[in-house]
Amino acid sequence: MSARPLIAIVEDDESLRPALLGFVRSLGYAGEGFASAEDFLDGDASSRADCLVSDYQLPGIDGLDLSTRMKGTLPVILVTARTERSIDERAEAAGVRCLLRKPFETDTLAECIRRALDS
């Protein structure tokens, strides 16, 4: 892990992505944002990041599929506004470390990041 852990944010909402980046940076982490899973996967961020925070509903590859691709290589925190129970089960099977329902408390996200980095 780098001196300042890198938290990758995959969020297609143009107002939420910078807010999440600002928040993780305020916690002392480095942050890098991506509008889609494809943008994240196309570069080298997936090999440089220490933790991934991804929205569930994304254009193209969704957050759950991205989580499955990262399983075992990168801790993933999945964020969703959806409430179906099947998402919990699928997220667990995909190796998601923490599933947050929108709206969520920033303290909860901070704790999820800390736990993901400590694992």
C-alpha atoms as a PDB file:
ATOM      1  CA  MET A   1       0.000   0.000   0.000  1.00  0.00           C
ATOM      2  CA  SER A   2       1.257   3.496  -0.832  1.00  0.00           C
ATOM      3  CA  ALA A   3       2.040   6.124   1.810  1.00  0.00           C
ATOM      4  CA  ARG A   4      -1.368   7.706   1.147  1.00  0.00           C
ATOM      5  CA  PRO A   5      -3.817   4.990   0.175  1.00  0.00           C
ATOM      6  CA  LEU A   6      -5.528   5.622  -3.159  1.00  0.00           C
ATOM      7  CA  ILE A   7      -9.315   5.409  -3.095  1.00  0.00           C
ATOM      8  CA  ALA A   8     -10.848   5.068  -6.561  1.00  0.00           C
ATOM      9  CA  ILE A   9     -14.379   6.434  -6.936  1.00  0.00           C
ATOM     10  CA  VAL A  10     -16.552   5.138  -9.793  1.00  0.00           C
ATOM     11  CA  GLU A  11     -19.690   7.283  -9.900  1.00  0.00           C
ATOM     12  CA  ASP A  12     -21.532   8.540 -12.981  1.00  0.00           C
ATOM     13  CA  ASP A  13     -23.313  11.354 -11.110  1.00  0.00           C
ATOM     14  CA  GLU A  14     -21.338  14.485 -12.010  1.00  0.00           C
ATOM     15  CA  SER A  15     -22.202  16.196  -8.711  1.00  0.00           C
ATOM     16  CA  LEU A  16     -21.721  13.229  -6.387  1.00  0.00           C
ATOM     17  CA  ARG A  17     -18.346  12.080  -7.757  1.00  0.00           C
ATOM     18  CA  PRO A  18     -16.447  15.286  -6.799  1.00  0.00           C
ATOM     19  CA  ALA A  19     -18.212  15.350  -3.421  1.00  0.00           C
ATOM     20  CA  LEU A  20     -17.054  11.796  -2.682  1.00  0.00           C
ATOM     21  CA  LEU A  21     -13.537  12.624  -3.869  1.00  0.00           C
ATOM     22  CA  GLY A  22     -13.425  15.672  -1.621  1.00  0.00           C
ATOM     23  CA  PHE A  23     -14.604  13.586   1.297  1.00  0.00           C
ATOM     24  CA  VAL A  24     -11.995  10.821   0.899  1.00  0.00           C
ATOM     25  CA  ARG A  25      -9.288  13.454   0.465  1.00  0.00           C
ATOM     26  CA  SER A  26     -10.459  15.168   3.660  1.00  0.00           C
ATOM     27  CA  LEU A  27      -9.794  11.847   5.420  1.00  0.00           C
ATOM     28  CA  GLY A  28      -6.169  11.997   4.254  1.00  0.00           C
ATOM     29  CA  TYR A  29      -6.449   9.539   1.374  1.00  0.00           C
ATOM     30  CA  ALA A  30      -5.528  10.155  -2.244  1.00  0.00           C
ATOM     31  CA  GLY A  31      -8.569  10.002  -4.505  1.00  0.00           C
ATOM     32  CA  GLU A  32      -9.183   9.467  -8.187  1.00  0.00           C
ATOM     33  CA  GLY A  33     -12.587   9.633  -9.868  1.00  0.00           C
ATOM     34  CA  PHE A  34     -14.075   7.836 -12.851  1.00  0.00           C
ATOM     35  CA  ALA A  35     -17.420   8.322 -14.611  1.00  0.00           C
ATOM     36  CA  SER A  36     -17.735   4.647 -15.568  1.00  0.00           C
ATOM     37  CA  ALA A  37     -16.377   1.208 -14.805  1.00  0.00           C
ATOM     38  CA  GLU A  38     -14.863   1.164 -18.279  1.00  0.00           C
ATOM     39  CA  ASP A  39     -12.894   4.354 -17.546  1.00  0.00           C
ATOM     40  CA  PHE A  40     -11.605   2.766 -14.344  1.00  0.00           C
ATOM     41  CA  LEU A  41     -10.636  -0.496 -16.058  1.00  0.00           C
ATOM     42  CA  ASP A  42      -9.067   1.134 -19.147  1.00  0.00           C
ATOM     43  CA  GLY A  43      -6.271   2.821 -17.214  1.00  0.00           C
ATOM     44  CA  ASP A  44      -3.885   1.564 -14.571  1.00  0.00           C
ATOM     45  CA  ALA A  45      -6.025   2.673 -11.631  1.00  0.00           C
ATOM     46  CA  SER A  46      -7.229  -0.856 -10.912  1.00  0.00           C
ATOM     47  CA  SER A  47      -3.635  -1.880 -10.205  1.00  0.00           C
ATOM     48  CA  ARG A  48      -2.769   1.306  -8.265  1.00  0.00           C
ATOM     49  CA  ALA A  49      -5.887   1.695  -6.108  1.00  0.00           C
ATOM     50  CA  ASP A  50      -6.013   0.424  -2.539  1.00  0.00           C
ATOM     51  CA  CYS A  51      -9.822   0.521  -2.321  1.00  0.00           C
ATOM     52  CA  LEU A  52     -12.698   1.036  -4.755  1.00  0.00           C
ATOM     53  CA  VAL A  53     -15.943   2.856  -3.985  1.00  0.00           C
ATOM     54  CA  SER A  54     -18.418   2.227  -6.799  1.00  0.00           C
ATOM     55  CA  ASP A  55     -22.004   3.099  -7.522  1.00  0.00           C
ATOM     56  CA  TYR A  56     -24.191   0.106  -8.348  1.00  0.00           C
ATOM     57  CA  GLN A  57     -26.114   1.625 -11.257  1.00  0.00           C
ATOM     58  CA  LEU A  58     -23.608   2.697 -13.888  1.00  0.00           C
ATOM     59  CA  PRO A  59     -23.831   2.904 -17.668  1.00  0.00           C
ATOM     60  CA  GLY A  60     -22.237  -0.121 -19.334  1.00  0.00           C
ATOM     61  CA  ILE A  61     -20.562  -2.366 -16.760  1.00  0.00           C
ATOM     62  CA  ASP A  62     -22.497  -1.939 -13.504  1.00  0.00           C
ATOM     63  CA  GLY A  63     -20.954  -1.744 -10.057  1.00  0.00           C
ATOM     64  CA  LEU A  64     -21.789  -5.339  -9.204  1.00  0.00           C
ATOM     65  CA  ASP A  65     -20.072  -6.667 -12.329  1.00  0.00           C
ATOM     66  CA  LEU A  66     -17.103  -4.415 -11.583  1.00  0.00           C
ATOM     67  CA  SER A  67     -16.991  -5.826  -8.046  1.00  0.00           C
ATOM     68  CA  THR A  68     -16.918  -9.355  -9.436  1.00  0.00           C
ATOM     69  CA  ARG A  69     -13.999  -8.432 -11.703  1.00  0.00           C
ATOM     70  CA  MET A  70     -12.087  -6.960  -8.759  1.00  0.00           C
ATOM     71  CA  LYS A  71     -12.867  -9.834  -6.364  1.00  0.00           C
ATOM     72  CA  GLY A  72      -9.730 -10.909  -4.561  1.00  0.00           C
ATOM     73  CA  THR A  73      -7.596  -8.089  -5.963  1.00  0.00           C
ATOM     74  CA  LEU A  74      -9.136  -4.926  -4.540  1.00  0.00           C
ATOM     75  CA  PRO A  75     -11.547  -4.275  -1.659  1.00  0.00           C
ATOM     76  CA  VAL A  76     -14.824  -2.862  -2.990  1.00  0.00           C
ATOM     77  CA  ILE A  77     -17.431  -0.692  -1.301  1.00  0.00           C
ATOM     78  CA  LEU A  78     -20.668  -0.684  -3.294  1.00  0.00           C
ATOM     79  CA  VAL A  79     -23.136   2.203  -3.053  1.00  0.00           C
ATOM     80  CA  THR A  80     -26.750   1.917  -4.203  1.00  0.00           C
ATOM     81  CA  ALA A  81     -30.150   3.517  -3.856  1.00  0.00           C
ATOM     82  CA  ARG A  82     -31.819   0.191  -4.656  1.00  0.00           C
ATOM     83  CA  THR A  83     -33.333  -1.806  -1.824  1.00  0.00           C
ATOM     84  CA  GLU A  84     -33.882  -5.300  -3.225  1.00  0.00           C
ATOM     85  CA  ARG A  85     -32.616  -8.053  -0.942  1.00  0.00           C
ATOM     86  CA  SER A  86     -31.093  -9.843  -3.935  1.00  0.00           C
ATOM     87  CA  ILE A  87     -28.510  -7.057  -4.223  1.00  0.00           C
ATOM     88  CA  ASP A  88     -27.189  -7.898  -0.743  1.00  0.00           C
ATOM     89  CA  GLU A  89     -26.781 -11.549  -1.691  1.00  0.00           C
ATOM     90  CA  ARG A  90     -25.175 -10.788  -5.056  1.00  0.00           C
ATOM     91  CA  ALA A  91     -22.848  -8.210  -3.478  1.00  0.00           C
ATOM     92  CA  GLU A  92     -21.707 -10.734  -0.888  1.00  0.00           C
ATOM     93  CA  ALA A  93     -21.068 -13.328  -3.615  1.00  0.00           C
ATOM     94  CA  ALA A  94     -19.056 -10.720  -5.562  1.00  0.00           C
ATOM     95  CA  GLY A  95     -16.812 -10.117  -2.559  1.00  0.00           C
ATOM     96  CA  VAL A  96     -18.094  -6.623  -1.753  1.00  0.00           C
ATOM     97  CA  ARG A  97     -16.667  -5.550   1.617  1.00  0.00           C
ATOM     98  CA  CYS A  98     -19.375  -3.025   2.424  1.00  0.00           C
ATOM     99  CA  LEU A  99     -22.761  -2.276   0.840  1.00  0.00           C
ATOM    100  CA  LEU A 100     -24.075   1.226   1.522  1.00  0.00           C
ATOM    101  CA  ARG A 101     -27.617   2.343   0.770  1.00  0.00           C
ATOM    102  CA  LYS A 102     -28.135   5.942  -0.390  1.00  0.00           C
ATOM    103  CA  PRO A 103     -28.478   8.219   1.385  1.00  0.00           C
ATOM    104  CA  PHE A 104     -25.699   7.197   3.755  1.00  0.00           C
ATOM    105  CA  GLU A 105     -23.777   8.921   6.514  1.00  0.00           C
ATOM    106  CA  THR A 106     -20.242   9.970   5.628  1.00  0.00           C
ATOM    107  CA  ASP A 107     -19.047   8.491   8.920  1.00  0.00           C
ATOM    108  CA  THR A 108     -20.319   5.108   7.736  1.00  0.00           C
ATOM    109  CA  LEU A 109     -18.406   5.441   4.467  1.00  0.00           C
ATOM    110  CA  ALA A 110     -15.270   6.454   6.377  1.00  0.00           C
ATOM    111  CA  GLU A 111     -15.569   3.367   8.589  1.00  0.00           C
ATOM    112  CA  CYS A 112     -16.106   1.108   5.562  1.00  0.00           C
ATOM    113  CA  ILE A 113     -12.964   2.518   3.925  1.00  0.00           C
ATOM    114  CA  ARG A 114     -10.928   2.040   7.107  1.00  0.00           C
ATOM    115  CA  ARG A 115     -12.091  -1.571   7.455  1.00  0.00           C
ATOM    116  CA  ALA A 116     -11.421  -2.291   3.774  1.00  0.00           C
ATOM    117  CA  LEU A 117      -7.885  -0.917   4.005  1.00  0.00           C
ATOM    118  CA  ASP A 118      -7.189  -2.842   7.216  1.00  0.00           C
ATOM    119  CA  SER A 119      -8.231  -6.182   5.730  1.00  0.00           C
END
